[in-house]
């Protein structure tokens, strides 16, 4: 936008997350198949932040490594030791050296806050506020910091442990998200002291310092659910539930039919076209696209897969990374597809494993068919031509090509290429021994003393 001030984000990710009881850093736990930290970075990027700095702790080098892989080493600032939120933001000062513009402070364990909810903070700054604070109306204020309002804006933020009984009765609460001019923010933080119940340097002290200089402090309110933070596994599950509800509602509003919405599990990047039907208990891992008009039947699982228009998947199907299911193709019950392109109108309706390769348009894959793609060291491809017919219980030993229109006899082990329109049989000759079963039963009865 022409004339808009430059933007930066400081994302606080230095907390130890001890209540998670997990060996893995809290902010790298996933919501909707994506780490909470990445959700927050996504939001900062969507806001147009030219500079993003993530403040990490020395106790969690995995977090720093994650940030460096995505944003580069200059995006990491380490807070050591941890002395509060104000101290954490100050740790980002050197990383933002030379930046001239507005900075928003967000939290890596608050993954649901959207760009649309943060944007008004920048609007308040543009309208003359020196500091803009994100607030919310709490159903249960509990231990949240309270927003003490004055006639001309926000007077101060009081932490619950430092609040008077009158202040504790306030339901307008502080989310911790804040925006200000970068130079002003760091100037105010340099004056923050630790004279409080926790002995920490609070970011919230910036409000009182700004007011003391006669500067305007304004508040923008967002939905409480968006501002939910994660400090325990139970809170992570609650945030996941809210994420799922939000994504389901978005998809249904866009024309996706869900017969039992609460049983459908989506990922952050799941794309489903209008006119698609999702039956109960379907799970979408990351990287899945389903085009319009597809039917996804119950108890199916997807990750890294593409389903084209009109395809029918399931029930009880599994599509793994690299699966591309063509228009009007059928992948039925207990069929697993991995890194295989299935052509338009092709069918694999029962109990099959298709791994590495391609199935041509109109081909039929019989029940019990296996693409034998792995020799213990390497993977190999199987190619099934258009309109080929693979008999039930066939084992196609890759690398192998079944020509267009060819047949394989049921129960065959196919180890060599099959010519187009040919029939391939790869099974032993059937031998029949007349009367053998009757003689066997008689012998067994004699051995057991039965008449």
Foldseek 3Di string as FASTA:
>chain_A
DPPAWAEEEEAEQADQLVQAVDPARQQQDDFQQGGLQVLVVVQCVVLVHPYAAYEYEPVHVVVQVVCCVPPNNLRYFYQPPDFEDLSSVLSCDVSCPPGWGKYKYHYSQLRQAHNVQCVVQSVVVVVFAQKEFEKEQDPQCPQFWAFPADPQATQFTGTPVRDDPVRNVGRIGGLLIMMHTSVLLSVLSVPFFQPDPVSGGYSRVSRNVCVVVVGHYHYGYDYPLSSQGDSYPVSSVVNSQVVQVVVLVVVVVQAEAEPDSSQERGHPPEAEEHQEYEYGNEYEHPQEHEYHQEYEYHCEYEYQEYEYHNEYEEDCEYEYRLEYEEHPEYHYHQEYEENEYEYHCEYDHEDEYHYAEYAEHQEYAAHQEYEQQDDPPGGAYEAEYANEYEAHNEYEDPPEYEYHCEYEHHNADHDYYHYHNYYHHHDDDDDDDPPPVVVVVVVVCVVVVHD
